[in-house]
């Protein structure tokens, strides 16, 4: 009910103000790239800076807590959904990692944008690339060459496959784990 109220409130405010809608003002109509940038900054704060999900999401008017079982993830232990019309979830993973999924958008554009955003944080190296979802998506795996490396996987799907873009990021519990070696 909360996202419907947020949408109705935002639309009413726009209609009453006589001003055109601007995504940066209300967030409801953010593009997939803008949403991905918000979500990856949340995940980076958790995985790189040791921040809690709650410090990043609780009280944020653009995200609200939801049942993780409704996200489609079988790993999420807690989840938040954006108030945007492009359904997006940020999820806590059991290993302390962070995940997010965006329903719609050009997944390859999102993947390239996320790589650019994270390049300032760490040099993620592509470790593997393989088909996923019966060939309707590609899964990319990245690692940072460090002790207990930061690991990222991205599933970039074809249009119409939902979620269209999924990112998982965490810090490995092992020094130089085997999954960070090129396949």
N, C-alpha and C. Protein backbone atom coordinates (compact mmCIF):
# COMPACT_ATOMS: atom_id res chain seq x y z
N UNK A 1 0.81 -1.19 0.00
CA UNK A 1 0.00 0.00 0.00
C UNK A 1 0.86 1.26 0.00
N UNK A 2 2.02 1.21 0.67
CA UNK A 2 2.88 2.37 0.77
C UNK A 2 3.34 2.90 -0.59
N UNK A 3 3.75 2.03 -1.57
CA UNK A 3 4.17 2.58 -2.86
C UNK A 3 3.03 3.25 -3.60
N UNK A 4 1.81 2.75 -3.44
CA UNK A 4 0.66 3.36 -4.12
C UNK A 4 0.43 4.74 -3.54
N UNK A 5 0.50 4.86 -2.21
CA UNK A 5 0.33 6.17 -1.58
C UNK A 5 1.42 7.13 -2.03
N UNK A 6 2.66 6.66 -2.12
CA UNK A 6 3.76 7.52 -2.54
C UNK A 6 3.54 8.00 -3.96
N UNK A 7 3.11 7.11 -4.84
CA UNK A 7 2.85 7.47 -6.23
C UNK A 7 1.71 8.45 -6.33
N UNK A 8 0.61 8.19 -5.65
CA UNK A 8 -0.55 9.08 -5.69
C UNK A 8 -0.17 10.45 -5.13
N UNK A 9 0.56 10.46 -4.02
CA UNK A 9 0.98 11.73 -3.42
C UNK A 9 1.87 12.53 -4.34
N UNK A 10 2.81 11.86 -4.98
CA UNK A 10 3.72 12.54 -5.90
C UNK A 10 2.97 13.10 -7.10
N UNK A 11 2.06 12.30 -7.66
CA UNK A 11 1.28 12.76 -8.81
C UNK A 11 0.38 13.93 -8.43
N UNK A 12 -0.22 13.87 -7.25
CA UNK A 12 -1.08 14.96 -6.78
C UNK A 12 -0.27 16.24 -6.60
N UNK A 13 0.90 16.13 -6.02
CA UNK A 13 1.75 17.30 -5.82
C UNK A 13 2.14 17.93 -7.15
N UNK A 14 2.43 17.10 -8.14
CA UNK A 14 2.79 17.60 -9.46
C UNK A 14 1.60 18.30 -10.11
N UNK A 15 0.44 17.66 -10.03
CA UNK A 15 -0.76 18.23 -10.64
C UNK A 15 -1.12 19.56 -9.99
N UNK A 16 -1.02 19.64 -8.68
CA UNK A 16 -1.38 20.86 -7.97
C UNK A 16 -0.37 21.98 -8.18
N UNK A 17 0.89 21.62 -8.41
CA UNK A 17 1.91 22.64 -8.57
C UNK A 17 1.94 23.22 -9.98
N UNK A 18 1.35 22.49 -10.94
CA UNK A 18 1.38 22.94 -12.32
C UNK A 18 2.76 22.81 -12.95
N UNK A 19 3.67 22.15 -12.28
CA UNK A 19 5.03 21.98 -12.76
C UNK A 19 5.19 20.61 -13.40
N UNK A 20 6.05 20.48 -14.40
CA UNK A 20 6.30 19.16 -14.98
C UNK A 20 7.04 18.27 -13.98
N UNK A 21 6.83 16.96 -14.09
CA UNK A 21 7.49 16.00 -13.21
C UNK A 21 8.97 15.94 -13.56
N UNK A 22 9.80 15.88 -12.53
CA UNK A 22 11.23 15.70 -12.73
C UNK A 22 11.66 14.55 -11.84
N UNK A 23 12.31 13.55 -12.44
CA UNK A 23 12.68 12.34 -11.71
C UNK A 23 13.51 12.64 -10.47
N UNK A 24 14.43 13.61 -10.56
CA UNK A 24 15.28 13.88 -9.42
C UNK A 24 14.50 14.48 -8.26
N UNK A 25 13.31 15.04 -8.52
CA UNK A 25 12.52 15.62 -7.45
C UNK A 25 11.75 14.56 -6.67
N UNK A 26 11.22 13.56 -7.35
CA UNK A 26 10.33 12.63 -6.67
C UNK A 26 10.82 11.19 -6.63
N UNK A 27 11.70 10.80 -7.51
CA UNK A 27 12.25 9.46 -7.49
C UNK A 27 11.35 8.38 -8.09
N UNK A 28 10.06 8.63 -8.18
CA UNK A 28 9.12 7.62 -8.65
C UNK A 28 9.41 7.22 -10.10
N UNK A 29 9.84 8.17 -10.90
CA UNK A 29 10.04 7.91 -12.32
C UNK A 29 11.52 7.83 -12.70
N UNK A 30 12.39 7.52 -11.74
CA UNK A 30 13.81 7.39 -12.03
C UNK A 30 14.04 6.36 -13.15
N UNK A 31 15.07 6.60 -13.95
CA UNK A 31 15.43 5.64 -14.99
C UNK A 31 16.10 4.44 -14.35
N UNK A 32 16.21 3.37 -15.11
CA UNK A 32 16.88 2.17 -14.61
C UNK A 32 18.32 2.47 -14.22
N UNK A 33 18.99 3.33 -14.96
CA UNK A 33 20.37 3.70 -14.64
C UNK A 33 20.44 4.46 -13.33
N UNK A 34 19.51 5.38 -13.10
CA UNK A 34 19.49 6.13 -11.83
C UNK A 34 19.20 5.19 -10.66
N UNK A 35 18.28 4.26 -10.86
CA UNK A 35 17.95 3.31 -9.80
C UNK A 35 19.16 2.42 -9.50
N UNK A 36 19.83 1.94 -10.55
CA UNK A 36 21.01 1.08 -10.37
C UNK A 36 22.10 1.83 -9.62
N UNK A 37 22.26 3.10 -9.92
CA UNK A 37 23.27 3.90 -9.24
C UNK A 37 22.95 4.02 -7.74
N UNK A 38 21.68 4.24 -7.41
CA UNK A 38 21.27 4.29 -6.00
C UNK A 38 21.52 2.95 -5.32
N UNK A 39 21.10 1.87 -5.97
CA UNK A 39 21.22 0.54 -5.38
C UNK A 39 22.68 0.13 -5.21
N UNK A 40 23.52 0.40 -6.20
CA UNK A 40 24.93 0.00 -6.08
C UNK A 40 25.63 0.85 -5.02
N UNK A 41 25.21 2.09 -4.82
CA UNK A 41 25.82 2.89 -3.76
C UNK A 41 25.46 2.32 -2.39
N UNK A 42 24.25 1.80 -2.25
CA UNK A 42 23.84 1.14 -1.01
C UNK A 42 24.68 -0.11 -0.79
N UNK A 43 24.79 -0.94 -1.82
CA UNK A 43 25.58 -2.18 -1.71
C UNK A 43 27.05 -1.87 -1.44
N UNK A 44 27.60 -0.86 -2.08
CA UNK A 44 29.00 -0.50 -1.86
C UNK A 44 29.22 -0.01 -0.43
N UNK A 45 28.27 0.74 0.11
CA UNK A 45 28.38 1.20 1.50
C UNK A 45 28.41 0.01 2.46
N UNK A 46 27.62 -1.01 2.15
CA UNK A 46 27.57 -2.21 2.99
C UNK A 46 28.84 -3.05 2.82
N UNK A 47 29.20 -3.37 1.58
CA UNK A 47 30.30 -4.30 1.31
C UNK A 47 31.68 -3.65 1.45
N UNK A 48 31.84 -2.41 1.04
CA UNK A 48 33.14 -1.75 1.10
C UNK A 48 33.36 -0.99 2.40
N UNK A 49 32.31 -0.33 2.90
CA UNK A 49 32.48 0.57 4.03
C UNK A 49 32.01 0.00 5.36
N UNK A 50 31.43 -1.21 5.33
CA UNK A 50 30.97 -1.83 6.56
C UNK A 50 29.74 -1.19 7.17
N UNK A 51 28.99 -0.44 6.37
CA UNK A 51 27.77 0.18 6.86
C UNK A 51 26.67 -0.88 6.97
N UNK A 52 25.68 -0.62 7.78
CA UNK A 52 24.56 -1.55 7.89
C UNK A 52 23.52 -1.22 6.83
N UNK A 53 22.73 -2.22 6.48
CA UNK A 53 21.62 -1.99 5.56
C UNK A 53 20.67 -0.97 6.16
N UNK A 54 20.44 -1.10 7.46
CA UNK A 54 19.49 -0.21 8.13
C UNK A 54 19.94 1.25 8.03
N UNK A 55 21.24 1.50 8.18
CA UNK A 55 21.72 2.89 8.08
C UNK A 55 21.53 3.44 6.68
N UNK A 56 21.50 2.57 5.69
CA UNK A 56 21.35 3.00 4.30
C UNK A 56 19.89 3.08 3.85
N UNK A 57 19.03 2.24 4.45
CA UNK A 57 17.68 2.10 3.90
C UNK A 57 16.55 2.49 4.85
N UNK A 58 16.69 2.22 6.13
CA UNK A 58 15.61 2.57 7.06
C UNK A 58 15.49 4.08 7.16
N UNK A 59 14.28 4.57 7.04
CA UNK A 59 14.05 6.00 7.08
C UNK A 59 14.25 6.69 5.74
N UNK A 60 14.70 5.96 4.74
CA UNK A 60 14.87 6.52 3.40
C UNK A 60 13.51 6.49 2.72
N UNK A 61 13.00 7.64 2.35
CA UNK A 61 11.64 7.71 1.79
C UNK A 61 11.48 6.99 0.45
N UNK A 62 12.59 6.61 -0.18
CA UNK A 62 12.51 5.95 -1.48
C UNK A 62 12.57 4.42 -1.39
N UNK A 63 12.72 3.87 -0.17
CA UNK A 63 12.81 2.43 0.02
C UNK A 63 11.98 2.04 1.23
N UNK A 64 11.31 0.90 1.15
CA UNK A 64 10.54 0.40 2.29
C UNK A 64 10.74 -1.10 2.41
N UNK A 65 10.68 -1.58 3.64
CA UNK A 65 10.93 -2.98 3.96
C UNK A 65 9.81 -3.87 3.40
N UNK A 66 10.19 -5.00 2.83
CA UNK A 66 9.22 -5.98 2.30
C UNK A 66 9.65 -7.39 2.71
N UNK A 67 8.74 -8.33 2.58
CA UNK A 67 9.04 -9.73 2.85
C UNK A 67 10.02 -10.23 1.77
N UNK A 68 11.19 -10.74 2.17
CA UNK A 68 12.17 -11.17 1.17
C UNK A 68 11.68 -12.29 0.26
N UNK A 69 10.70 -13.06 0.72
CA UNK A 69 10.19 -14.15 -0.13
C UNK A 69 9.47 -13.60 -1.36
N UNK A 70 9.03 -12.36 -1.32
CA UNK A 70 8.34 -11.76 -2.46
C UNK A 70 9.26 -11.19 -3.51
N UNK A 71 10.57 -11.30 -3.31
CA UNK A 71 11.53 -10.72 -4.26
C UNK A 71 11.92 -11.66 -5.38
N UNK A 72 11.66 -12.95 -5.20
CA UNK A 72 12.10 -13.94 -6.16
C UNK A 72 13.45 -14.53 -5.80
N UNK A 73 14.10 -13.98 -4.77
CA UNK A 73 15.39 -14.50 -4.32
C UNK A 73 15.16 -15.58 -3.28
N UNK A 74 15.88 -16.68 -3.41
CA UNK A 74 15.78 -17.72 -2.38
C UNK A 74 16.88 -17.57 -1.33
N UNK A 75 17.69 -16.51 -1.45
CA UNK A 75 18.78 -16.28 -0.50
C UNK A 75 18.54 -15.08 0.42
N UNK A 76 17.74 -14.13 -0.01
CA UNK A 76 17.56 -12.89 0.75
C UNK A 76 17.03 -13.15 2.15
N UNK A 77 17.65 -12.49 3.14
CA UNK A 77 17.18 -12.60 4.52
C UNK A 77 16.39 -11.37 4.93
N UNK A 78 16.51 -10.29 4.20
CA UNK A 78 15.72 -9.08 4.40
C UNK A 78 15.71 -8.36 3.07
N UNK A 79 14.65 -7.61 2.80
CA UNK A 79 14.56 -6.91 1.52
C UNK A 79 13.87 -5.57 1.67
N UNK A 80 14.24 -4.67 0.78
CA UNK A 80 13.61 -3.36 0.68
C UNK A 80 13.24 -3.16 -0.79
N UNK A 81 12.12 -2.51 -1.02
CA UNK A 81 11.65 -2.23 -2.38
C UNK A 81 11.67 -0.73 -2.60
N UNK A 82 12.01 -0.33 -3.82
CA UNK A 82 12.01 1.10 -4.14
C UNK A 82 10.58 1.57 -4.39
N UNK A 83 10.39 2.87 -4.30
CA UNK A 83 9.08 3.45 -4.59
C UNK A 83 8.96 3.82 -6.06
N UNK A 84 9.91 3.40 -6.88
CA UNK A 84 9.87 3.71 -8.30
C UNK A 84 8.86 2.81 -9.02
N UNK A 85 8.44 3.23 -10.20
CA UNK A 85 7.53 2.40 -10.98
C UNK A 85 8.24 1.19 -11.59
N UNK A 86 9.57 1.24 -11.66
CA UNK A 86 10.39 0.13 -12.13
C UNK A 86 10.77 -0.69 -10.90
N UNK A 87 10.03 -1.74 -10.62
CA UNK A 87 10.21 -2.51 -9.39
C UNK A 87 11.67 -2.90 -9.19
N UNK A 88 12.19 -2.53 -8.02
CA UNK A 88 13.58 -2.78 -7.67
C UNK A 88 13.64 -3.21 -6.22
N UNK A 89 14.43 -4.24 -5.95
CA UNK A 89 14.64 -4.72 -4.58
C UNK A 89 16.12 -4.67 -4.25
N UNK A 90 16.43 -4.24 -3.03
CA UNK A 90 17.77 -4.38 -2.45
C UNK A 90 17.62 -5.42 -1.36
N UNK A 91 18.55 -6.38 -1.33
CA UNK A 91 18.40 -7.52 -0.40
C UNK A 91 19.67 -7.79 0.39
N UNK A 92 19.47 -8.16 1.64
CA UNK A 92 20.57 -8.62 2.49
C UNK A 92 20.75 -10.11 2.23
N UNK A 93 22.00 -10.53 2.06
CA UNK A 93 22.31 -11.94 1.84
C UNK A 93 22.87 -12.55 3.13
N UNK A 94 22.73 -13.86 3.31
CA UNK A 94 23.19 -14.50 4.55
C UNK A 94 24.69 -14.37 4.80
N UNK A 95 25.49 -14.16 3.75
CA UNK A 95 26.94 -14.05 3.91
C UNK A 95 27.38 -12.61 4.19
N UNK A 96 26.42 -11.72 4.48
CA UNK A 96 26.74 -10.33 4.73
C UNK A 96 26.78 -9.50 3.46
N UNK A 97 26.51 -10.14 2.34
CA UNK A 97 26.53 -9.45 1.06
C UNK A 97 25.25 -8.71 0.77
N UNK A 98 25.27 -8.06 -0.37
CA UNK A 98 24.15 -7.22 -0.82
C UNK A 98 23.79 -7.62 -2.24
N UNK A 99 22.51 -7.59 -2.51
CA UNK A 99 22.01 -7.92 -3.84
C UNK A 99 20.95 -6.91 -4.23
N UNK A 100 20.81 -6.66 -5.51
CA UNK A 100 19.65 -5.90 -5.97
C UNK A 100 19.22 -6.40 -7.33
N UNK A 101 17.93 -6.28 -7.58
CA UNK A 101 17.34 -6.67 -8.86
C UNK A 101 16.46 -5.56 -9.38
N UNK A 102 16.57 -5.27 -10.66
CA UNK A 102 15.77 -4.24 -11.32
C UNK A 102 14.94 -4.93 -12.39
N UNK A 103 13.64 -4.71 -12.38
CA UNK A 103 12.75 -5.39 -13.32
C UNK A 103 12.99 -5.04 -14.77
N UNK A 104 13.13 -3.75 -15.10
CA UNK A 104 13.21 -3.35 -16.50
C UNK A 104 14.41 -2.43 -16.74
N UNK A 105 14.96 -2.53 -17.94
CA UNK A 105 16.07 -1.68 -18.35
C UNK A 105 16.97 -2.44 -19.29
N UNK A 106 17.85 -1.74 -19.95
CA UNK A 106 18.82 -2.37 -20.85
C UNK A 106 19.92 -2.95 -19.98
N UNK A 107 19.92 -4.25 -19.79
CA UNK A 107 20.83 -4.89 -18.84
C UNK A 107 22.30 -4.69 -19.19
N UNK A 108 22.64 -4.63 -20.45
CA UNK A 108 24.04 -4.41 -20.83
C UNK A 108 24.47 -2.98 -20.54
N UNK A 109 23.59 -2.03 -20.74
CA UNK A 109 23.89 -0.63 -20.38
C UNK A 109 24.06 -0.53 -18.87
N UNK A 110 23.18 -1.19 -18.12
CA UNK A 110 23.28 -1.19 -16.65
C UNK A 110 24.59 -1.83 -16.19
N UNK A 111 24.95 -2.95 -16.80
CA UNK A 111 26.20 -3.64 -16.42
C UNK A 111 27.40 -2.73 -16.65
N UNK A 112 27.47 -2.08 -17.80
CA UNK A 112 28.59 -1.19 -18.10
C UNK A 112 28.61 0.00 -17.13
N UNK A 113 27.44 0.52 -16.81
CA UNK A 113 27.36 1.67 -15.90
C UNK A 113 27.82 1.27 -14.49
N UNK A 114 27.38 0.12 -14.02
CA UNK A 114 27.78 -0.36 -12.69
C UNK A 114 29.30 -0.56 -12.64
N UNK A 115 29.88 -1.12 -13.69
CA UNK A 115 31.33 -1.30 -13.74
C UNK A 115 32.04 0.05 -13.63
N UNK A 116 31.53 1.06 -14.34
CA UNK A 116 32.11 2.40 -14.27
C UNK A 116 32.00 2.99 -12.86
N UNK A 117 30.83 2.84 -12.25
CA UNK A 117 30.61 3.37 -10.91
C UNK A 117 31.55 2.71 -9.91
N UNK A 118 31.71 1.40 -9.99
CA UNK A 118 32.53 0.67 -9.03
C UNK A 118 34.03 0.76 -9.32
N UNK A 119 34.41 1.20 -10.50
CA UNK A 119 35.83 1.30 -10.85
C UNK A 119 36.58 2.21 -9.88
N UNK A 120 35.92 3.21 -9.34
CA UNK A 120 36.58 4.11 -8.38
C UNK A 120 36.76 3.45 -7.02
N UNK A 121 36.03 2.37 -6.77
CA UNK A 121 36.12 1.66 -5.48
C UNK A 121 37.17 0.56 -5.50
N UNK A 122 37.21 -0.19 -6.59
CA UNK A 122 38.14 -1.33 -6.68
C UNK A 122 38.19 -1.84 -8.12
N UNK A 123 39.32 -2.42 -8.50
CA UNK A 123 39.45 -2.97 -9.86
C UNK A 123 38.83 -4.38 -9.95
N UNK A 124 37.55 -4.44 -10.23
CA UNK A 124 36.89 -5.73 -10.41
C UNK A 124 37.36 -6.33 -11.73
N UNK A 125 37.84 -7.56 -11.67
CA UNK A 125 38.32 -8.26 -12.86
C UNK A 125 37.30 -9.32 -13.27
N UNK A 126 36.96 -9.34 -14.56
CA UNK A 126 36.03 -10.35 -15.07
C UNK A 126 36.69 -11.73 -14.96
N UNK A 127 36.04 -12.64 -14.25
CA UNK A 127 36.58 -13.99 -14.04
C UNK A 127 35.90 -15.00 -14.95
N UNK A 128 34.60 -14.85 -15.12
CA UNK A 128 33.89 -15.77 -16.01
C UNK A 128 32.63 -15.12 -16.56
N UNK A 129 32.18 -15.69 -17.64
CA UNK A 129 30.97 -15.25 -18.32
C UNK A 129 30.32 -16.50 -18.87
N UNK A 130 29.03 -16.70 -18.54
CA UNK A 130 28.37 -17.92 -19.00
C UNK A 130 26.87 -17.69 -19.15
N UNK A 131 26.22 -18.50 -19.99
CA UNK A 131 24.78 -18.37 -20.16
C UNK A 131 24.04 -18.72 -18.85
N UNK A 132 22.91 -18.08 -18.67
CA UNK A 132 22.05 -18.34 -17.50
C UNK A 132 20.60 -18.28 -17.96
N UNK A 133 19.70 -18.70 -17.08
CA UNK A 133 18.26 -18.69 -17.37
C UNK A 133 17.95 -19.31 -18.73
N UNK A 134 18.46 -20.48 -18.95
CA UNK A 134 18.23 -21.23 -20.20
C UNK A 134 18.60 -20.42 -21.44
N UNK A 135 19.67 -19.66 -21.33
CA UNK A 135 20.15 -18.89 -22.48
C UNK A 135 19.52 -17.52 -22.63
N UNK A 136 18.60 -17.15 -21.75
CA UNK A 136 17.93 -15.84 -21.85
C UNK A 136 18.68 -14.75 -21.08
N UNK A 137 19.83 -15.09 -20.52
CA UNK A 137 20.62 -14.14 -19.76
C UNK A 137 22.08 -14.58 -19.78
N UNK A 138 22.95 -13.67 -19.37
CA UNK A 138 24.37 -13.98 -19.21
C UNK A 138 24.75 -13.65 -17.78
N UNK A 139 25.48 -14.56 -17.15
CA UNK A 139 25.99 -14.31 -15.81
C UNK A 139 27.47 -13.99 -15.90
N UNK A 140 27.84 -12.87 -15.30
CA UNK A 140 29.22 -12.41 -15.26
C UNK A 140 29.70 -12.51 -13.82
N UNK A 141 30.93 -12.97 -13.63
CA UNK A 141 31.52 -13.04 -12.29
C UNK A 141 32.80 -12.21 -12.27
N UNK A 142 32.94 -11.42 -11.22
CA UNK A 142 34.08 -10.52 -11.06
C UNK A 142 34.68 -10.69 -9.67
N UNK A 143 35.99 -10.50 -9.57
CA UNK A 143 36.66 -10.50 -8.27
C UNK A 143 37.69 -9.37 -8.25
N UNK A 144 37.98 -8.90 -7.05
CA UNK A 144 39.05 -7.94 -6.84
C UNK A 144 40.23 -8.73 -6.31
N UNK A 145 41.40 -8.54 -6.89
CA UNK A 145 42.60 -9.27 -6.46
C UNK A 145 43.08 -8.70 -5.12
N UNK A 146 42.64 -9.34 -4.05
CA UNK A 146 43.01 -8.93 -2.69
C UNK A 146 42.77 -10.11 -1.76
N UNK A 147 43.35 -10.05 -0.55
CA UNK A 147 43.01 -11.06 0.45
C UNK A 147 41.53 -10.92 0.75
N UNK A 148 40.85 -12.02 0.92
CA UNK A 148 39.39 -12.00 1.14
C UNK A 148 38.75 -11.06 0.11
N UNK A 149 38.82 -11.45 -1.16
CA UNK A 149 38.40 -10.54 -2.23
C UNK A 149 36.92 -10.17 -2.19
N UNK A 150 36.66 -9.01 -2.68
CA UNK A 150 35.27 -8.62 -2.93
C UNK A 150 34.88 -9.30 -4.23
N UNK A 151 33.67 -9.83 -4.24
CA UNK A 151 33.18 -10.63 -5.36
C UNK A 151 31.88 -10.00 -5.83
N UNK A 152 31.69 -9.99 -7.14
CA UNK A 152 30.45 -9.46 -7.70
C UNK A 152 29.99 -10.39 -8.82
N UNK A 153 28.71 -10.68 -8.84
CA UNK A 153 28.13 -11.37 -9.99
C UNK A 153 27.00 -10.52 -10.51
N UNK A 154 26.85 -10.54 -11.81
CA UNK A 154 25.78 -9.80 -12.48
C UNK A 154 25.09 -10.75 -13.42
N UNK A 155 23.77 -10.76 -13.37
CA UNK A 155 22.97 -11.48 -14.35
C UNK A 155 22.30 -10.41 -15.21
N UNK A 156 22.68 -10.37 -16.47
CA UNK A 156 22.13 -9.43 -17.44
C UNK A 156 21.22 -10.21 -18.38
N UNK A 157 19.93 -9.94 -18.28
CA UNK A 157 18.94 -10.72 -19.02
C UNK A 157 18.48 -10.01 -20.28
N UNK A 158 17.84 -10.79 -21.13
CA UNK A 158 17.20 -10.22 -22.33
C UNK A 158 16.00 -9.39 -21.89
N UNK A 159 15.58 -8.49 -22.75
CA UNK A 159 14.38 -7.71 -22.45
C UNK A 159 13.20 -8.66 -22.23
N UNK A 160 12.37 -8.32 -21.27
CA UNK A 160 11.19 -9.13 -20.99
C UNK A 160 11.42 -10.18 -19.92
N UNK A 161 12.66 -10.50 -19.62
CA UNK A 161 12.98 -11.45 -18.56
C UNK A 161 13.13 -10.66 -17.27
N UNK A 162 12.40 -11.06 -16.23
CA UNK A 162 12.41 -10.28 -15.00
C UNK A 162 12.90 -11.09 -13.82
N UNK A 163 13.67 -10.50 -12.93
CA UNK A 163 14.23 -9.17 -13.10
C UNK A 163 15.22 -9.15 -14.24
N UNK A 164 15.32 -8.00 -14.86
CA UNK A 164 16.16 -7.86 -16.04
C UNK A 164 17.63 -7.75 -15.69
N UNK A 165 17.90 -7.26 -14.48
CA UNK A 165 19.29 -7.05 -14.04
C UNK A 165 19.39 -7.43 -12.57
N UNK A 166 20.36 -8.27 -12.23
CA UNK A 166 20.58 -8.67 -10.84
C UNK A 166 22.06 -8.54 -10.53
N UNK A 167 22.38 -7.92 -9.40
CA UNK A 167 23.75 -7.82 -8.93
C UNK A 167 23.83 -8.44 -7.55
N UNK A 168 24.88 -9.22 -7.30
CA UNK A 168 25.22 -9.74 -5.97
C UNK A 168 26.65 -9.30 -5.69
N UNK A 169 26.88 -8.79 -4.47
CA UNK A 169 28.23 -8.37 -4.11
C UNK A 169 28.48 -8.76 -2.65
N UNK A 170 29.67 -9.31 -2.40
CA UNK A 170 30.02 -9.70 -1.03
C UNK A 170 31.54 -9.76 -0.90
N UNK A 171 31.98 -9.90 0.32
CA UNK A 171 33.41 -10.10 0.59
C UNK A 171 33.60 -11.58 0.89
N UNK A 172 34.54 -12.22 0.20
CA UNK A 172 34.79 -13.66 0.38
C UNK A 172 35.31 -13.94 1.78
N UNK A 173 34.90 -15.06 2.33
CA UNK A 173 35.37 -15.45 3.66
C UNK A 173 36.72 -16.13 3.61
N UNK A 174 37.12 -16.60 2.42
CA UNK A 174 38.40 -17.29 2.26
C UNK A 174 39.43 -16.39 1.57
N UNK A 175 40.69 -16.61 1.89
CA UNK A 175 41.77 -15.95 1.17
C UNK A 175 41.88 -16.64 -0.19
N UNK A 176 41.89 -15.88 -1.25
CA UNK A 176 42.03 -16.39 -2.62
C UNK A 176 41.15 -17.61 -2.89
N UNK A 177 39.83 -17.44 -2.80
CA UNK A 177 38.94 -18.59 -3.05
C UNK A 177 39.03 -19.07 -4.50
N UNK A 178 38.75 -20.34 -4.69
CA UNK A 178 38.88 -20.93 -6.03
C UNK A 178 37.95 -20.27 -7.04
N UNK A 179 36.80 -19.76 -6.59
CA UNK A 179 35.88 -19.15 -7.56
C UNK A 179 36.38 -17.82 -8.09
N UNK A 180 37.48 -17.30 -7.54
CA UNK A 180 38.06 -16.06 -8.07
C UNK A 180 39.18 -16.32 -9.07
N UNK A 181 39.34 -17.57 -9.45
CA UNK A 181 40.33 -17.90 -10.49
C UNK A 181 39.63 -17.96 -11.84
N UNK A 182 40.32 -17.46 -12.85
CA UNK A 182 39.73 -17.49 -14.19
C UNK A 182 39.38 -18.90 -14.61
N UNK A 183 38.20 -19.06 -15.22
CA UNK A 183 37.79 -20.40 -15.69
C UNK A 183 38.09 -20.57 -17.16
